[in-house]
Amino acid sequence: RNTAASMGVALDALVLGLVLAAPFRPQVLSGAVSVEQLQSNMDALPVRDHFLQHPDEWATLMDSCRQEEAAYWKDRSGLAWH
């Protein structure tokens, strides 16, 4: 959240931008269902461009997001699904 705020974008734009800057061919489904969400998602493009120019920052941020598999599935199973 701090990184998103320092870049002046919403969290969704930061996450989408990180994935789009990945060194593989990502395919991203944003899940946007409104014009406002789509506009926010589009803020991912300058984020992507930033991380393409600063791959060390990208790697550091991605490493900080890493979660062990068991913890991921435990957290996910506790989510309320609608």
N, C-alpha and C. Protein backbone atom coordinates (compact mmCIF):
# COMPACT_ATOMS: atom_id res chain seq x y z
N ARG A 1 0.82 -1.20 0.00
CA ARG A 1 0.00 0.00 0.00
C ARG A 1 0.86 1.26 0.00
N ASN A 2 1.97 1.20 0.72
CA ASN A 2 2.85 2.36 0.75
C ASN A 2 3.42 2.65 -0.64
N THR A 3 3.78 1.60 -1.36
CA THR A 3 4.33 1.79 -2.70
C THR A 3 3.28 2.39 -3.62
N ALA A 4 2.06 1.87 -3.55
CA ALA A 4 0.98 2.41 -4.39
C ALA A 4 0.77 3.90 -4.07
N ALA A 5 0.73 4.24 -2.80
CA ALA A 5 0.53 5.63 -2.41
C ALA A 5 1.68 6.51 -2.89
N SER A 6 2.91 6.01 -2.76
CA SER A 6 4.06 6.82 -3.19
C SER A 6 4.09 7.01 -4.71
N MET A 7 3.48 6.07 -5.44
CA MET A 7 3.41 6.20 -6.90
C MET A 7 2.16 6.95 -7.34
N GLY A 8 1.26 7.23 -6.40
CA GLY A 8 0.05 7.98 -6.72
C GLY A 8 -1.00 7.18 -7.45
N VAL A 9 -1.01 5.84 -7.20
CA VAL A 9 -1.99 4.97 -7.86
C VAL A 9 -2.70 4.12 -6.82
N ALA A 10 -3.83 3.55 -7.22
CA ALA A 10 -4.56 2.63 -6.36
C ALA A 10 -3.83 1.29 -6.31
N LEU A 11 -4.14 0.50 -5.31
CA LEU A 11 -3.49 -0.79 -5.13
C LEU A 11 -3.69 -1.71 -6.35
N ASP A 12 -4.88 -1.67 -6.96
CA ASP A 12 -5.11 -2.52 -8.13
C ASP A 12 -4.17 -2.16 -9.27
N ALA A 13 -3.91 -0.88 -9.47
CA ALA A 13 -3.01 -0.45 -10.55
C ALA A 13 -1.58 -0.89 -10.26
N LEU A 14 -1.17 -0.83 -8.99
CA LEU A 14 0.18 -1.29 -8.64
C LEU A 14 0.34 -2.77 -8.94
N VAL A 15 -0.61 -3.57 -8.49
CA VAL A 15 -0.52 -5.02 -8.67
C VAL A 15 -0.56 -5.39 -10.16
N LEU A 16 -1.47 -4.80 -10.90
CA LEU A 16 -1.54 -5.09 -12.34
C LEU A 16 -0.25 -4.65 -13.04
N GLY A 17 0.27 -3.48 -12.66
CA GLY A 17 1.51 -3.01 -13.25
C GLY A 17 2.68 -3.92 -12.96
N LEU A 18 2.75 -4.45 -11.73
CA LEU A 18 3.82 -5.39 -11.38
C LEU A 18 3.74 -6.65 -12.24
N VAL A 19 2.54 -7.17 -12.40
CA VAL A 19 2.38 -8.39 -13.21
C VAL A 19 2.72 -8.10 -14.67
N LEU A 20 2.27 -6.98 -15.18
CA LEU A 20 2.54 -6.64 -16.58
C LEU A 20 4.03 -6.41 -16.84
N ALA A 21 4.79 -6.06 -15.80
CA ALA A 21 6.23 -5.84 -15.95
C ALA A 21 7.04 -7.12 -15.75
N ALA A 22 6.36 -8.23 -15.51
CA ALA A 22 7.05 -9.50 -15.27
C ALA A 22 7.85 -9.90 -16.50
N PRO A 23 8.98 -10.60 -16.27
CA PRO A 23 9.84 -10.99 -17.40
C PRO A 23 9.33 -12.21 -18.17
N PHE A 24 8.07 -12.49 -18.09
CA PHE A 24 7.43 -13.53 -18.89
C PHE A 24 6.23 -12.89 -19.55
N ARG A 25 5.55 -13.57 -20.41
CA ARG A 25 4.39 -13.01 -21.11
C ARG A 25 3.14 -13.19 -20.25
N PRO A 26 2.87 -12.19 -19.40
CA PRO A 26 1.69 -12.34 -18.53
C PRO A 26 0.39 -12.10 -19.29
N GLN A 27 -0.63 -12.78 -18.87
CA GLN A 27 -1.98 -12.51 -19.32
C GLN A 27 -2.76 -12.20 -18.06
N VAL A 28 -3.35 -11.03 -18.03
CA VAL A 28 -3.99 -10.54 -16.81
C VAL A 28 -5.46 -10.31 -17.07
N LEU A 29 -6.28 -10.86 -16.22
CA LEU A 29 -7.72 -10.61 -16.24
C LEU A 29 -8.01 -9.70 -15.05
N SER A 30 -8.40 -8.48 -15.32
CA SER A 30 -8.53 -7.49 -14.24
C SER A 30 -9.79 -7.69 -13.40
N GLY A 31 -10.86 -8.13 -14.00
CA GLY A 31 -12.11 -8.28 -13.26
C GLY A 31 -12.90 -6.99 -13.12
N ALA A 32 -12.46 -5.93 -13.81
CA ALA A 32 -13.18 -4.66 -13.74
C ALA A 32 -14.60 -4.82 -14.27
N VAL A 33 -15.58 -4.27 -13.54
CA VAL A 33 -16.98 -4.36 -13.96
C VAL A 33 -17.62 -2.98 -14.10
N SER A 34 -16.85 -1.93 -13.88
CA SER A 34 -17.39 -0.58 -14.03
C SER A 34 -16.36 0.28 -14.74
N VAL A 35 -16.81 1.40 -15.25
CA VAL A 35 -15.91 2.32 -15.92
C VAL A 35 -14.85 2.82 -14.94
N GLU A 36 -15.24 3.10 -13.71
CA GLU A 36 -14.30 3.59 -12.71
C GLU A 36 -13.21 2.56 -12.42
N GLN A 37 -13.60 1.29 -12.31
CA GLN A 37 -12.61 0.24 -12.07
C GLN A 37 -11.68 0.09 -13.26
N LEU A 38 -12.22 0.16 -14.45
CA LEU A 38 -11.39 0.06 -15.65
C LEU A 38 -10.41 1.23 -15.72
N GLN A 39 -10.88 2.43 -15.40
CA GLN A 39 -9.99 3.59 -15.41
C GLN A 39 -8.87 3.41 -14.38
N SER A 40 -9.19 2.90 -13.22
CA SER A 40 -8.17 2.65 -12.21
C SER A 40 -7.18 1.60 -12.69
N ASN A 41 -7.70 0.55 -13.31
CA ASN A 41 -6.82 -0.50 -13.84
C ASN A 41 -5.88 0.04 -14.90
N MET A 42 -6.34 1.00 -15.69
CA MET A 42 -5.50 1.56 -16.74
C MET A 42 -4.30 2.31 -16.17
N ASP A 43 -4.38 2.73 -14.91
CA ASP A 43 -3.23 3.37 -14.26
C ASP A 43 -2.07 2.39 -14.12
N ALA A 44 -2.32 1.11 -14.39
CA ALA A 44 -1.26 0.10 -14.31
C ALA A 44 -0.22 0.29 -15.42
N LEU A 45 -0.59 0.92 -16.51
CA LEU A 45 0.35 1.03 -17.63
C LEU A 45 1.58 1.87 -17.29
N PRO A 46 1.44 3.06 -16.68
CA PRO A 46 2.65 3.78 -16.28
C PRO A 46 3.42 3.06 -15.17
N VAL A 47 2.71 2.31 -14.33
CA VAL A 47 3.39 1.52 -13.29
C VAL A 47 4.24 0.45 -13.97
N ARG A 48 3.67 -0.24 -14.95
CA ARG A 48 4.42 -1.23 -15.72
C ARG A 48 5.67 -0.61 -16.32
N ASP A 49 5.49 0.55 -16.94
CA ASP A 49 6.62 1.22 -17.58
C ASP A 49 7.71 1.57 -16.57
N HIS A 50 7.30 2.01 -15.39
CA HIS A 50 8.27 2.34 -14.34
C HIS A 50 9.09 1.11 -13.98
N PHE A 51 8.42 -0.01 -13.75
CA PHE A 51 9.14 -1.21 -13.31
C PHE A 51 9.94 -1.85 -14.45
N LEU A 52 9.53 -1.65 -15.68
CA LEU A 52 10.35 -2.11 -16.80
C LEU A 52 11.67 -1.33 -16.86
N GLN A 53 11.63 -0.07 -16.45
CA GLN A 53 12.83 0.76 -16.42
C GLN A 53 13.66 0.54 -15.16
N HIS A 54 13.04 -0.04 -14.12
CA HIS A 54 13.72 -0.25 -12.83
C HIS A 54 13.51 -1.69 -12.37
N PRO A 55 14.10 -2.66 -13.07
CA PRO A 55 13.86 -4.07 -12.74
C PRO A 55 14.33 -4.47 -11.34
N ASP A 56 15.30 -3.79 -10.78
CA ASP A 56 15.73 -4.11 -9.41
C ASP A 56 14.63 -3.76 -8.41
N GLU A 57 13.95 -2.64 -8.63
CA GLU A 57 12.81 -2.27 -7.76
C GLU A 57 11.70 -3.31 -7.90
N TRP A 58 11.46 -3.74 -9.15
CA TRP A 58 10.43 -4.75 -9.39
C TRP A 58 10.75 -6.02 -8.60
N ALA A 59 11.99 -6.50 -8.70
CA ALA A 59 12.39 -7.74 -8.02
C ALA A 59 12.27 -7.61 -6.51
N THR A 60 12.68 -6.47 -5.96
CA THR A 60 12.60 -6.26 -4.52
C THR A 60 11.15 -6.28 -4.05
N LEU A 61 10.29 -5.58 -4.77
CA LEU A 61 8.87 -5.54 -4.38
C LEU A 61 8.22 -6.90 -4.53
N MET A 62 8.52 -7.61 -5.60
CA MET A 62 7.96 -8.95 -5.78
C MET A 62 8.43 -9.90 -4.67
N ASP A 63 9.70 -9.83 -4.30
CA ASP A 63 10.21 -10.67 -3.22
C ASP A 63 9.51 -10.37 -1.90
N SER A 64 9.16 -9.10 -1.68
CA SER A 64 8.50 -8.73 -0.43
C SER A 64 7.06 -9.24 -0.36
N CYS A 65 6.50 -9.62 -1.50
CA CYS A 65 5.11 -10.12 -1.56
C CYS A 65 5.03 -11.64 -1.46
N ARG A 66 6.17 -12.29 -1.47
CA ARG A 66 6.20 -13.76 -1.48
C ARG A 66 5.53 -14.31 -0.22
N GLN A 67 4.76 -15.37 -0.40
CA GLN A 67 4.06 -16.03 0.70
C GLN A 67 4.20 -17.54 0.53
N GLU A 68 4.45 -18.22 1.61
CA GLU A 68 4.56 -19.67 1.56
C GLU A 68 3.21 -20.26 1.14
N GLU A 69 3.27 -21.37 0.44
CA GLU A 69 2.06 -21.99 -0.11
C GLU A 69 1.02 -22.31 0.97
N ALA A 70 1.46 -22.92 2.06
CA ALA A 70 0.51 -23.30 3.13
C ALA A 70 -0.17 -22.06 3.71
N ALA A 71 0.58 -20.99 3.89
CA ALA A 71 0.00 -19.75 4.43
C ALA A 71 -0.99 -19.15 3.44
N TYR A 72 -0.66 -19.21 2.15
CA TYR A 72 -1.56 -18.70 1.13
C TYR A 72 -2.91 -19.41 1.18
N TRP A 73 -2.88 -20.76 1.18
CA TRP A 73 -4.12 -21.51 1.17
C TRP A 73 -4.89 -21.35 2.47
N LYS A 74 -4.20 -21.19 3.58
CA LYS A 74 -4.88 -20.95 4.85
C LYS A 74 -5.59 -19.59 4.80
N ASP A 75 -4.89 -18.56 4.34
CA ASP A 75 -5.50 -17.23 4.23
C ASP A 75 -6.68 -17.25 3.26
N ARG A 76 -6.49 -17.89 2.14
CA ARG A 76 -7.55 -17.94 1.11
C ARG A 76 -8.78 -18.68 1.62
N SER A 77 -8.58 -19.77 2.35
CA SER A 77 -9.74 -20.52 2.85
C SER A 77 -10.54 -19.72 3.87
N GLY A 78 -9.94 -18.72 4.48
CA GLY A 78 -10.64 -17.90 5.46
C GLY A 78 -11.39 -16.71 4.87
N LEU A 79 -11.28 -16.52 3.55
CA LEU A 79 -11.96 -15.40 2.91
C LEU A 79 -13.45 -15.67 2.76
N ALA A 80 -14.23 -14.62 2.87
CA ALA A 80 -15.67 -14.73 2.65
C ALA A 80 -15.93 -14.56 1.15
N TRP A 81 -16.48 -15.57 0.53
CA TRP A 81 -16.75 -15.54 -0.91
C TRP A 81 -18.21 -15.22 -1.15
N HIS A 82 -18.46 -14.34 -2.08
CA HIS A 82 -19.85 -13.91 -2.36
C HIS A 82 -20.30 -14.47 -3.67
